[in-house]
C-alpha atoms as a PDB file:
ATOM      1  CA  MET A   1     -36.268 -49.696 -31.908  1.00  0.00           C
ATOM      2  CA  GLU A   2     -34.476 -51.115 -28.904  1.00  0.00           C
ATOM      3  CA  PHE A   3     -31.078 -52.714 -29.266  1.00  0.00           C
ATOM      4  CA  ILE A   4     -30.754 -55.209 -26.453  1.00  0.00           C
ATOM      5  CA  ALA A   5     -27.106 -56.238 -26.039  1.00  0.00           C
ATOM      6  CA  LYS A   6     -28.171 -59.548 -24.498  1.00  0.00           C
ATOM      7  CA  ASP A   7     -29.857 -60.500 -27.799  1.00  0.00           C
ATOM      8  CA  LYS A   8     -26.719 -59.807 -29.845  1.00  0.00           C
ATOM      9  CA  TYR A   9     -24.532 -61.557 -27.265  1.00  0.00           C
ATOM     10  CA  PHE A  10     -26.531 -64.782 -27.521  1.00  0.00           C
ATOM     11  CA  CYS A  11     -26.669 -64.458 -31.320  1.00  0.00           C
ATOM     12  CA  MET A  12     -22.856 -64.315 -31.258  1.00  0.00           C
ATOM     13  CA  LYS A  13     -22.751 -67.343 -28.932  1.00  0.00           C
ATOM     14  CA  ARG A  14     -25.018 -69.341 -31.286  1.00  0.00           C
ATOM     15  CA  ALA A  15     -22.765 -68.421 -34.230  1.00  0.00           C
ATOM     16  CA  HIS A  16     -19.799 -69.615 -32.146  1.00  0.00           C
ATOM     17  CA  GLU A  17     -21.556 -72.943 -31.495  1.00  0.00           C
ATOM     18  CA  ARG A  18     -22.208 -73.415 -35.233  1.00  0.00           C
ATOM     19  CA  LEU A  19     -18.537 -72.735 -35.930  1.00  0.00           C
ATOM     20  CA  LYS A  20     -17.576 -75.216 -33.197  1.00  0.00           C
ATOM     21  CA  LYS A  21     -19.782 -77.921 -34.733  1.00  0.00           C
ATOM     22  CA  ILE A  22     -18.241 -77.453 -38.182  1.00  0.00           C
ATOM     23  CA  ASN A  23     -14.785 -77.486 -36.611  1.00  0.00           C
ATOM     24  CA  THR A  24     -15.302 -80.600 -34.470  1.00  0.00           C
ATOM     25  CA  ASN A  25     -18.076 -82.823 -35.858  1.00  0.00           C
ATOM     26  CA  ASN A  26     -20.229 -82.037 -38.837  1.00  0.00           C
ATOM     27  CA  GLY A  27     -21.571 -85.556 -39.145  1.00  0.00           C
ATOM     28  CA  ASN A  28     -21.198 -87.098 -42.577  1.00  0.00           C
ATOM     29  CA  SER A  29     -21.734 -83.989 -44.660  1.00  0.00           C
ATOM     30  CA  ILE A  30     -19.513 -81.018 -45.296  1.00  0.00           C
ATOM     31  CA  SER A  31     -19.011 -78.314 -47.872  1.00  0.00           C
ATOM     32  CA  ASN A  32     -15.929 -76.352 -48.760  1.00  0.00           C
ATOM     33  CA  THR A  33     -17.713 -73.069 -48.013  1.00  0.00           C
ATOM     34  CA  GLU A  34     -19.298 -73.852 -44.642  1.00  0.00           C
ATOM     35  CA  ALA A  35     -16.250 -72.947 -42.546  1.00  0.00           C
ATOM     36  CA  LYS A  36     -15.747 -69.649 -44.374  1.00  0.00           C
ATOM     37  CA  ASP A  37     -19.430 -68.700 -44.196  1.00  0.00           C
ATOM     38  CA  SER A  38     -19.687 -69.630 -40.520  1.00  0.00           C
ATOM     39  CA  THR A  39     -16.484 -67.770 -39.681  1.00  0.00           C
ATOM     40  CA  GLU A  40     -17.683 -64.640 -41.433  1.00  0.00           C
ATOM     41  CA  ASP A  41     -21.059 -64.927 -39.690  1.00  0.00           C
ATOM     42  CA  PHE A  42     -19.422 -65.284 -36.272  1.00  0.00           C
ATOM     43  CA  PHE A  43     -17.037 -62.347 -36.729  1.00  0.00           C
ATOM     44  CA  ASN A  44     -19.881 -60.130 -37.951  1.00  0.00           C
ATOM     45  CA  HIS A  45     -21.896 -60.824 -34.805  1.00  0.00           C
ATOM     46  CA  CYS A  46     -18.799 -60.625 -32.630  1.00  0.00           C
ATOM     47  CA  TYR A  47     -17.578 -57.283 -33.914  1.00  0.00           C
ATOM     48  CA  HIS A  48     -21.015 -55.647 -34.054  1.00  0.00           C
ATOM     49  CA  PHE A  49     -21.769 -56.681 -30.481  1.00  0.00           C
ATOM     50  CA  LYS A  50     -19.916 -53.467 -29.570  1.00  0.00           C
ATOM     51  CA  ASP A  51     -22.630 -51.349 -31.199  1.00  0.00           C
ATOM     52  CA  TRP A  52     -25.343 -53.093 -29.226  1.00  0.00           C
ATOM     53  CA  LEU A  53     -23.419 -52.602 -25.984  1.00  0.00           C
ATOM     54  CA  LYS A  54     -23.189 -48.878 -26.715  1.00  0.00           C
ATOM     55  CA  LYS A  55     -26.900 -48.523 -27.547  1.00  0.00           C
ATOM     56  CA  ASP A  56     -28.461 -50.689 -24.854  1.00  0.00           C
ATOM     57  CA  ARG A  57     -29.865 -48.210 -22.329  1.00  0.00           C
ATOM     58  CA  SER A  58     -30.458 -50.889 -19.711  1.00  0.00           C
ATOM     59  CA  ILE A  59     -26.746 -51.463 -19.100  1.00  0.00           C
ATOM     60  CA  SER A  60     -23.850 -49.251 -18.155  1.00  0.00           C
ATOM     61  CA  ILE A  61     -20.387 -49.710 -19.592  1.00  0.00           C
ATOM     62  CA  THR A  62     -17.631 -47.780 -17.851  1.00  0.00           C
ATOM     63  CA  SER A  63     -14.898 -49.024 -20.201  1.00  0.00           C
ATOM     64  CA  ASP A  64     -14.189 -47.401 -23.550  1.00  0.00           C
ATOM     65  CA  ILE A  65     -15.331 -50.172 -25.890  1.00  0.00           C
ATOM     66  CA  GLU A  66     -13.280 -48.988 -28.866  1.00  0.00           C
ATOM     67  CA  ASP A  67     -10.105 -48.905 -26.739  1.00  0.00           C
ATOM     68  CA  PHE A  68     -10.968 -52.340 -25.393  1.00  0.00           C
ATOM     69  CA  ILE A  69     -11.170 -53.705 -28.949  1.00  0.00           C
ATOM     70  CA  ASN A  70      -7.980 -51.944 -30.027  1.00  0.00           C
ATOM     71  CA  ASN A  71      -6.093 -53.331 -27.011  1.00  0.00           C
ATOM     72  CA  SER A  72      -7.326 -56.880 -27.564  1.00  0.00           C
ATOM     73  CA  THR A  73      -5.383 -58.934 -30.095  1.00  0.00           C
ATOM     74  CA  SER A  74      -8.316 -61.233 -30.833  1.00  0.00           C
ATOM     75  CA  LEU A  75     -11.003 -58.520 -31.032  1.00  0.00           C
ATOM     76  CA  SER A  76      -8.855 -56.205 -33.178  1.00  0.00           C
ATOM     77  CA  LEU A  77      -8.174 -59.110 -35.568  1.00  0.00           C
ATOM     78  CA  ALA A  78     -11.906 -59.904 -35.580  1.00  0.00           C
ATOM     79  CA  ALA A  79     -12.689 -56.269 -36.402  1.00  0.00           C
ATOM     80  CA  ASP A  80     -10.243 -56.296 -39.303  1.00  0.00           C
ATOM     81  CA  TYR A  81     -11.573 -59.617 -40.594  1.00  0.00           C
ATOM     82  CA  CYS A  82     -15.168 -58.407 -40.377  1.00  0.00           C
ATOM     83  CA  ASN A  83     -14.477 -55.045 -42.003  1.00  0.00           C
ATOM     84  CA  SER A  84     -12.358 -56.629 -44.741  1.00  0.00           C
ATOM     85  CA  PHE A  85     -15.277 -58.745 -45.878  1.00  0.00           C
ATOM     86  CA  LYS A  86     -17.904 -56.087 -45.273  1.00  0.00           C
ATOM     87  CA  HIS A  87     -16.110 -53.501 -47.408  1.00  0.00           C
ATOM     88  CA  GLY A  88     -14.240 -55.701 -49.882  1.00  0.00           C
ATOM     89  CA  GLY A  89     -10.935 -54.839 -48.206  1.00  0.00           C
ATOM     90  CA  LEU A  90     -10.067 -52.364 -45.489  1.00  0.00           C
ATOM     91  CA  ASP A  91     -10.747 -48.730 -46.353  1.00  0.00           C
ATOM     92  CA  LYS A  92      -9.147 -47.474 -43.135  1.00  0.00           C
ATOM     93  CA  LYS A  93      -6.108 -48.391 -41.115  1.00  0.00           C
ATOM     94  CA  ALA A  94      -6.279 -51.876 -39.634  1.00  0.00           C
ATOM     95  CA  ARG A  95      -7.130 -51.907 -35.913  1.00  0.00           C
ATOM     96  CA  SER A  96      -4.615 -54.682 -35.388  1.00  0.00           C
ATOM     97  CA  ASN A  97      -1.937 -52.917 -37.466  1.00  0.00           C
ATOM     98  CA  LYS A  98      -1.656 -56.194 -39.353  1.00  0.00           C
ATOM     99  CA  GLN A  99      -2.439 -57.324 -42.879  1.00  0.00           C
ATOM    100  CA  LEU A 100      -4.968 -60.047 -43.677  1.00  0.00           C
ATOM    101  CA  GLU A 101      -3.089 -62.092 -46.261  1.00  0.00           C
ATOM    102  CA  LYS A 102      -4.790 -65.370 -46.973  1.00  0.00           C
ATOM    103  CA  ILE A 103      -7.622 -67.696 -45.979  1.00  0.00           C
ATOM    104  CA  ASN A 104      -7.382 -71.463 -46.377  1.00  0.00           C
ATOM    105  CA  THR A 105     -10.099 -74.028 -45.764  1.00  0.00           C
ATOM    106  CA  HIS A 106      -9.106 -77.416 -44.398  1.00  0.00           C
ATOM    107  CA  ILE A 107     -11.518 -80.340 -44.648  1.00  0.00           C
ATOM    108  CA  LYS A 108     -10.900 -83.545 -42.756  1.00  0.00           C
ATOM    109  CA  PHE A 109     -12.664 -86.897 -42.848  1.00  0.00           C
ATOM    110  CA  ASP A 110     -12.266 -89.346 -39.960  1.00  0.00           C
ATOM    111  CA  LEU A 111     -13.412 -92.879 -40.655  1.00  0.00           C
ATOM    112  CA  THR A 112     -15.632 -94.494 -38.029  1.00  0.00           C
ATOM    113  CA  PRO A 113     -17.290 -97.935 -37.918  1.00  0.00           C
ATOM    114  CA  SER A 114     -20.519 -96.338 -39.146  1.00  0.00           C
ATOM    115  CA  GLY A 115     -19.074 -94.102 -41.856  1.00  0.00           C
ATOM    116  CA  PHE A 116     -17.119 -90.912 -41.385  1.00  0.00           C
ATOM    117  CA  ILE A 117     -17.123 -87.661 -39.459  1.00  0.00           C
ATOM    118  CA  ALA A 118     -16.367 -84.559 -41.451  1.00  0.00           C
ATOM    119  CA  THR A 119     -14.840 -81.400 -40.045  1.00  0.00           C
ATOM    120  CA  SER A 120     -13.850 -78.166 -41.667  1.00  0.00           C
ATOM    121  CA  SER A 121     -11.693 -75.365 -40.371  1.00  0.00           C
ATOM    122  CA  LEU A 122     -10.572 -72.033 -41.628  1.00  0.00           C
ATOM    123  CA  GLU A 123      -6.973 -70.910 -41.344  1.00  0.00           C
ATOM    124  CA  ILE A 124      -6.453 -67.154 -41.495  1.00  0.00           C
ATOM    125  CA  THR A 125      -2.972 -65.857 -42.288  1.00  0.00           C
ATOM    126  CA  ILE A 126      -2.325 -62.393 -40.880  1.00  0.00           C
ATOM    127  CA  ASP A 127       1.132 -60.847 -41.190  1.00  0.00           C
ATOM    128  CA  GLY A 128       2.616 -64.289 -41.791  1.00  0.00           C
ATOM    129  CA  VAL A 129       1.009 -65.781 -38.669  1.00  0.00           C
ATOM    130  CA  LYS A 130      -1.553 -68.556 -39.128  1.00  0.00           C
ATOM    131  CA  TYR A 131      -4.641 -68.468 -36.919  1.00  0.00           C
ATOM    132  CA  ASP A 132      -7.268 -71.144 -36.552  1.00  0.00           C
ATOM    133  CA  ALA A 133     -10.571 -69.284 -36.983  1.00  0.00           C
ATOM    134  CA  PHE A 134     -12.382 -71.281 -34.289  1.00  0.00           C
ATOM    135  CA  SER A 135      -9.595 -70.679 -31.735  1.00  0.00           C
ATOM    136  CA  LEU A 136      -9.599 -66.978 -32.587  1.00  0.00           C
ATOM    137  CA  ALA A 137     -13.396 -66.905 -32.269  1.00  0.00           C
ATOM    138  CA  SER A 138     -13.176 -68.593 -28.856  1.00  0.00           C
ATOM    139  CA  ASP A 139     -10.618 -65.996 -27.739  1.00  0.00           C
ATOM    140  CA  CYS A 140     -13.024 -63.253 -28.854  1.00  0.00           C
ATOM    141  CA  VAL A 141     -15.868 -64.714 -26.777  1.00  0.00           C
ATOM    142  CA  ASP A 142     -13.492 -64.857 -23.793  1.00  0.00           C
ATOM    143  CA  GLU A 143     -12.549 -61.210 -24.328  1.00  0.00           C
ATOM    144  CA  TRP A 144     -16.177 -60.054 -24.470  1.00  0.00           C
ATOM    145  CA  ASN A 145     -16.906 -62.073 -21.326  1.00  0.00           C
ATOM    146  CA  LYS A 146     -13.978 -60.304 -19.638  1.00  0.00           C
ATOM    147  CA  LEU A 147     -15.437 -56.885 -20.528  1.00  0.00           C
ATOM    148  CA  LEU A 148     -18.861 -57.924 -19.249  1.00  0.00           C
ATOM    149  CA  ARG A 149     -17.348 -59.134 -15.946  1.00  0.00           C
ATOM    150  CA  GLN A 150     -15.350 -55.896 -15.586  1.00  0.00           C
ATOM    151  CA  ASN A 151     -18.603 -53.961 -15.909  1.00  0.00           C
ATOM    152  CA  ASN A 152     -20.664 -56.321 -13.694  1.00  0.00           C
ATOM    153  CA  ILE A 153     -22.955 -57.257 -16.559  1.00  0.00           C
ATOM    154  CA  LYS A 154     -24.591 -60.684 -16.439  1.00  0.00           C
ATOM    155  CA  PHE A 155     -26.891 -61.872 -19.174  1.00  0.00           C
ATOM    156  CA  SER A 156     -29.338 -64.583 -18.173  1.00  0.00           C
ATOM    157  CA  ASN A 157     -29.964 -67.297 -20.733  1.00  0.00           C
ATOM    158  CA  PRO A 158     -32.719 -66.421 -23.180  1.00  0.00           C
END
């Protein structure tokens, strides 16, 4: 089977768009699990994009992907988040050298003339620092885009 990095990249981007929608305008419906599920989905695609980059024979990466992740605050936090939920806690040393402490969901309703707009966000507490999951996800996308630019890789829209 072929593992085309472009496919995983755009899967990650779609997961990011779903997270953005939940975070900014989910219409008049919301659940208390949507932000958590969408965050976990995004970070799974985001972190595993590295595997697809390594296995795609049609592209050439000159950077060490694992070092790139370890040297990126957002990607190392994403790796720890992903692996924490994949394995029911980290079995190995955290890439970020930080401890995932708590996850809080925040739901907000804004009244409009036609009803309300619901939004939901996830707040991740890591070593006492609170991170907005959508902001962290956006930083991760920026980091992957940086690696792709450094390696002259351009993915055309599917």
